[in-house]
Amino acid sequence: MTYRIETVDVLGKPMEVFLFEPTTPAPHAGIVLAPHIPVAHTGLENDPVTIHKGERYAEAGYTVAAPFIYHWWPKTDDIDVKRKGTRDDWTAADCKAAHDLLSKTPGVDAARIGIVGHCWGGRMSWLGAGTDSRYKACAVFYGGRIKVAMGEGQPPPIELAGNIPCPVIGFFGNDDENPSPADVDALDAALKKAGVEHVFHRYDSAGHAFQTFDNPDRYRHEASEDAWEKVLAFMKEKLG
């Protein structure tokens, strides 16, 4: 499986989007894949985890767009500069641009696009769904800081729960501290209050980034594969 790179404009700044395309006959549903931060901030080409996830969703029959959401800074800038400088209005614009690209990609059914994210990207998938009514499915993998606003004048993403237009599936480790089990309870309560269809899966003996296979201290194979099975079934049900 290979990918190709498209460049789109986001608020006057160029952003790379990595496109993974299935070999099955069109039309295909689409997935915006929000990357995590540890290695991806230096360029998605350096991140085997995001590439693997893009390939695996494409193998399941989806066209996948992974936006390089750290394009606001030079790739050589320190990770802490990007963490501290992140603005939720920028991130929402990145998500919209990736969705726009997917919806215009030949062979993609624009009416069947979901969003998935892991770690920092898990927060982004919640934010993306909460700021764009076009999504038909949302998956959040151990997204931290959903209760925290980023950028002056921006609301915490948890307050956008009522704007989420689609079913949500979440995956969390019970040993995680960000989000902690109490944080996950708060996310669950926010979606319930908003009347958003959702299901959360929580794993004992798993912490943050339990799907990150290149980090042996964090990776939990059994939990990871169970989550893969569940998220693919969810996407098949919601996107076809």
Protein backbone atom coordinates (compact mmCIF):
# COMPACT_ATOMS: atom_id res chain seq x y z
CA MET A 1 0.00 0.00 0.00
CA THR A 2 1.33 3.43 -0.87
CA TYR A 3 0.17 6.97 -0.35
CA ARG A 4 0.31 10.15 -2.36
CA ILE A 5 0.61 13.69 -1.07
CA GLU A 6 -1.72 16.53 -1.94
CA THR A 7 -1.18 20.12 -0.80
CA VAL A 8 -4.16 22.26 0.18
CA ASP A 9 -4.53 25.82 1.42
CA VAL A 10 -5.64 26.41 5.01
CA LEU A 11 -6.15 30.05 5.93
CA GLY A 12 -3.37 31.04 3.56
CA LYS A 13 -0.93 28.34 4.72
CA PRO A 14 -0.04 25.23 2.67
CA MET A 15 -0.82 21.89 4.33
CA GLU A 16 0.26 18.46 3.18
CA VAL A 17 -2.41 15.76 3.19
CA PHE A 18 -1.40 12.13 2.85
CA LEU A 19 -3.96 10.17 0.82
CA PHE A 20 -4.29 6.40 1.14
CA GLU A 21 -6.55 4.82 -1.47
CA PRO A 22 -8.10 1.34 -1.55
CA THR A 23 -7.81 -1.06 -4.45
CA THR A 24 -11.45 -2.13 -4.29
CA PRO A 25 -13.99 -0.73 -6.79
CA ALA A 26 -15.45 2.71 -6.11
CA PRO A 27 -17.38 4.36 -4.62
CA HIS A 28 -15.60 4.41 -1.27
CA ALA A 29 -16.40 5.95 2.07
CA GLY A 30 -13.76 8.31 3.41
CA ILE A 31 -11.91 8.79 6.69
CA VAL A 32 -10.07 11.86 7.93
CA LEU A 33 -7.23 10.44 10.02
CA ALA A 34 -5.94 12.87 12.66
CA PRO A 35 -2.32 12.06 13.62
CA HIS A 36 -0.80 11.89 17.06
CA ILE A 37 2.02 14.26 17.95
CA PRO A 38 5.19 12.41 19.09
CA VAL A 39 6.89 11.85 15.71
CA ALA A 40 4.23 13.11 13.33
CA HIS A 41 4.98 16.74 14.21
CA THR A 42 8.22 16.48 12.18
CA GLY A 43 6.33 15.26 9.10
CA LEU A 44 3.92 12.39 8.54
CA GLU A 45 6.55 10.72 6.35
CA ASN A 46 8.51 10.15 9.58
CA ASP A 47 5.63 8.52 11.42
CA PRO A 48 5.20 4.78 10.84
CA VAL A 49 2.18 4.65 13.18
CA THR A 50 0.08 7.11 11.19
CA ILE A 51 1.17 5.50 7.90
CA HIS A 52 0.24 2.06 9.20
CA LYS A 53 -3.18 3.25 10.30
CA GLY A 54 -3.80 4.91 6.94
CA GLU A 55 -2.84 1.74 5.15
CA ARG A 56 -4.99 -0.46 7.37
CA TYR A 57 -8.10 1.66 6.85
CA ALA A 58 -7.42 1.73 3.10
CA GLU A 59 -7.07 -2.06 3.09
CA ALA A 60 -10.53 -2.15 4.69
CA GLY A 61 -11.90 -0.20 1.72
CA TYR A 62 -11.74 3.45 2.83
CA THR A 63 -10.05 6.40 1.18
CA VAL A 64 -8.05 8.04 3.95
CA ALA A 65 -6.82 11.63 4.25
CA ALA A 66 -4.23 12.28 6.96
CA PRO A 67 -3.61 16.05 7.28
CA PHE A 68 -0.28 17.35 8.50
CA ILE A 69 -1.81 19.53 11.18
CA TYR A 70 1.56 20.90 12.35
CA HIS A 71 2.08 22.83 9.12
CA TRP A 72 1.70 26.12 11.00
CA TRP A 73 5.31 25.77 12.18
CA PRO A 74 8.60 24.66 10.58
CA LYS A 75 9.03 20.90 10.87
CA THR A 76 12.23 21.49 12.81
CA ASP A 77 10.53 23.47 15.58
CA ASP A 78 10.42 21.85 19.00
CA ILE A 79 7.36 19.81 19.91
CA ASP A 80 6.63 22.06 22.90
CA VAL A 81 6.41 25.10 20.64
CA LYS A 82 3.65 23.35 18.69
CA ARG A 83 1.82 22.15 21.78
CA LYS A 84 1.76 25.61 23.31
CA GLY A 85 0.95 27.37 20.04
CA THR A 86 -1.93 25.15 18.93
CA ARG A 87 -5.20 26.97 18.27
CA ASP A 88 -8.49 25.12 18.01
CA ASP A 89 -9.72 27.40 15.23
CA TRP A 90 -6.66 26.40 13.19
CA THR A 91 -7.25 22.73 13.94
CA ALA A 92 -10.91 22.97 12.94
CA ALA A 93 -9.83 24.59 9.67
CA ASP A 94 -7.33 21.76 9.07
CA CYS A 95 -10.09 19.18 9.54
CA LYS A 96 -12.43 21.02 7.18
CA ALA A 97 -9.72 21.23 4.52
CA ALA A 98 -9.04 17.49 4.77
CA HIS A 99 -12.77 16.75 4.52
CA ASP A 100 -13.05 19.06 1.50
CA LEU A 101 -10.19 17.26 -0.22
CA LEU A 102 -11.69 13.85 0.49
CA SER A 103 -15.11 14.88 -0.77
CA LYS A 104 -13.57 16.01 -4.07
CA THR A 105 -11.35 12.94 -4.53
CA PRO A 106 -12.55 10.74 -7.42
CA GLY A 107 -14.24 7.59 -6.22
CA VAL A 108 -15.15 8.96 -2.77
CA ASP A 109 -18.78 9.24 -1.69
CA ALA A 110 -18.82 12.67 -0.03
CA ALA A 111 -21.92 11.71 1.95
CA ARG A 112 -20.01 8.94 3.79
CA ILE A 113 -17.02 10.48 5.54
CA GLY A 114 -15.92 9.87 9.13
CA ILE A 115 -13.08 11.10 11.32
CA VAL A 116 -10.67 9.09 13.47
CA GLY A 117 -7.88 10.27 15.74
CA HIS A 118 -5.36 8.95 18.25
CA CYS A 119 -3.81 10.76 21.22
CA TRP A 120 -3.54 14.44 20.16
CA GLY A 121 -5.50 13.35 17.11
CA GLY A 122 -8.21 11.90 19.34
CA ARG A 123 -8.82 15.37 20.68
CA MET A 124 -8.77 16.60 17.09
CA SER A 125 -11.38 14.08 15.95
CA TRP A 126 -13.79 15.26 18.68
CA LEU A 127 -13.08 18.88 17.76
CA GLY A 128 -13.43 18.18 14.04
CA ALA A 129 -16.79 16.49 14.47
CA GLY A 130 -17.94 19.27 16.79
CA THR A 131 -17.20 21.95 14.20
CA ASP A 132 -18.36 20.28 10.98
CA SER A 133 -21.88 18.94 10.45
CA ARG A 134 -20.86 16.77 7.49
CA TYR A 135 -19.35 13.88 9.45
CA LYS A 136 -21.19 10.57 9.64
CA ALA A 137 -18.97 8.82 12.21
CA CYS A 138 -16.32 9.79 14.76
CA ALA A 139 -13.77 7.64 16.58
CA VAL A 140 -11.73 8.94 19.50
CA PHE A 141 -8.71 6.94 20.67
CA TYR A 142 -7.47 8.10 24.11
CA GLY A 143 -7.86 11.77 23.23
CA GLY A 144 -6.55 13.94 26.05
CA ARG A 145 -7.27 17.59 26.88
CA ILE A 146 -10.76 17.52 25.38
CA LYS A 147 -11.81 19.44 28.48
CA VAL A 148 -9.15 22.11 27.83
CA ALA A 149 -9.44 25.03 25.38
CA MET A 150 -6.54 25.85 23.08
CA GLY A 151 -6.28 29.32 21.62
CA GLU A 152 -7.68 32.62 22.88
CA GLY A 153 -11.45 32.78 22.74
CA GLN A 154 -11.89 29.10 21.92
CA PRO A 155 -14.25 26.87 23.96
CA PRO A 156 -13.08 23.56 25.39
CA PRO A 157 -13.99 20.86 22.84
CA ILE A 158 -16.10 19.05 25.42
CA GLU A 159 -18.52 21.99 25.20
CA LEU A 160 -19.02 21.19 21.50
CA ALA A 161 -20.61 17.82 22.28
CA GLY A 162 -24.02 19.13 21.31
CA ASN A 163 -22.72 20.06 17.87
CA ILE A 164 -21.43 16.58 17.03
CA PRO A 165 -23.65 15.38 14.16
CA CYS A 166 -22.81 11.69 14.18
CA PRO A 167 -22.34 8.59 16.32
CA VAL A 168 -19.11 8.45 18.36
CA ILE A 169 -17.00 5.48 19.41
CA GLY A 170 -14.26 5.88 22.00
CA PHE A 171 -11.33 3.74 23.15
CA PHE A 172 -9.51 4.38 26.41
CA GLY A 173 -7.02 2.71 28.73
CA ASN A 174 -7.99 2.50 32.37
CA ASP A 175 -4.36 3.17 33.36
CA ASP A 176 -4.26 6.40 31.35
CA GLU A 177 -3.82 9.74 33.12
CA ASN A 178 -4.66 11.98 30.14
CA PRO A 179 -7.49 11.26 29.67
CA SER A 180 -7.98 9.76 33.09
CA PRO A 181 -10.96 7.47 33.79
CA ALA A 182 -12.64 10.50 35.40
CA ASP A 183 -12.05 12.50 32.21
CA VAL A 184 -13.62 9.70 30.19
CA ASP A 185 -16.61 9.73 32.52
CA ALA A 186 -16.99 13.46 31.81
CA LEU A 187 -16.85 12.89 28.04
CA ASP A 188 -19.45 10.15 28.36
CA ALA A 189 -21.71 12.44 30.42
CA ALA A 190 -21.34 15.29 27.90
CA LEU A 191 -22.40 13.08 25.01
CA LYS A 192 -25.29 11.65 27.00
CA LYS A 193 -26.51 15.13 27.91
CA ALA A 194 -26.28 16.18 24.25
CA GLY A 195 -28.16 13.09 23.08
CA VAL A 196 -25.28 11.93 20.88
CA GLU A 197 -25.26 8.21 20.10
CA HIS A 198 -22.00 6.79 21.42
CA VAL A 199 -20.23 3.79 22.86
CA PHE A 200 -16.99 3.78 24.87
CA HIS A 201 -14.63 0.83 25.29
CA ARG A 202 -12.24 0.82 28.23
CA TYR A 203 -9.31 -1.53 28.66
CA ASP A 204 -7.76 -2.73 31.90
CA SER A 205 -3.96 -2.95 32.03
CA ALA A 206 -3.71 -0.43 29.21
CA GLY A 207 -2.66 3.19 29.35
CA HIS A 208 -2.18 5.98 26.88
CA ALA A 209 -1.28 5.15 23.27
CA PHE A 210 -1.92 1.43 23.66
CA GLN A 211 -2.11 1.11 19.85
CA THR A 212 1.33 2.65 19.29
CA PHE A 213 3.16 -0.48 18.19
CA ASP A 214 6.59 1.18 17.96
CA ASN A 215 6.53 1.99 21.70
CA PRO A 216 6.87 -1.32 23.56
CA ASP A 217 6.27 0.33 26.93
CA ARG A 218 2.84 1.53 25.85
CA TYR A 219 1.69 -0.97 23.23
CA ARG A 220 -0.87 -3.58 24.30
CA HIS A 221 -1.43 -6.00 21.46
CA GLU A 222 -4.63 -7.63 22.69
CA ALA A 223 -6.33 -4.32 23.45
CA SER A 224 -5.08 -2.81 20.20
CA GLU A 225 -6.43 -5.60 18.02
CA ASP A 226 -9.74 -5.65 19.87
CA ALA A 227 -10.06 -1.91 19.26
CA TRP A 228 -9.21 -2.38 15.57
CA GLU A 229 -11.94 -4.98 15.24
CA LYS A 230 -14.48 -2.75 16.96
CA VAL A 231 -13.64 0.46 15.11
CA LEU A 232 -13.75 -1.24 11.71
CA ALA A 233 -17.14 -2.78 12.55
CA PHE A 234 -18.36 0.65 13.69
CA MET A 235 -17.19 2.34 10.49
CA LYS A 236 -18.73 -0.38 8.37
CA GLU A 237 -22.05 0.07 10.16
CA LYS A 238 -22.06 3.87 10.01
CA LEU A 239 -20.29 4.50 6.67
CA GLY A 240 -20.83 1.27 4.77
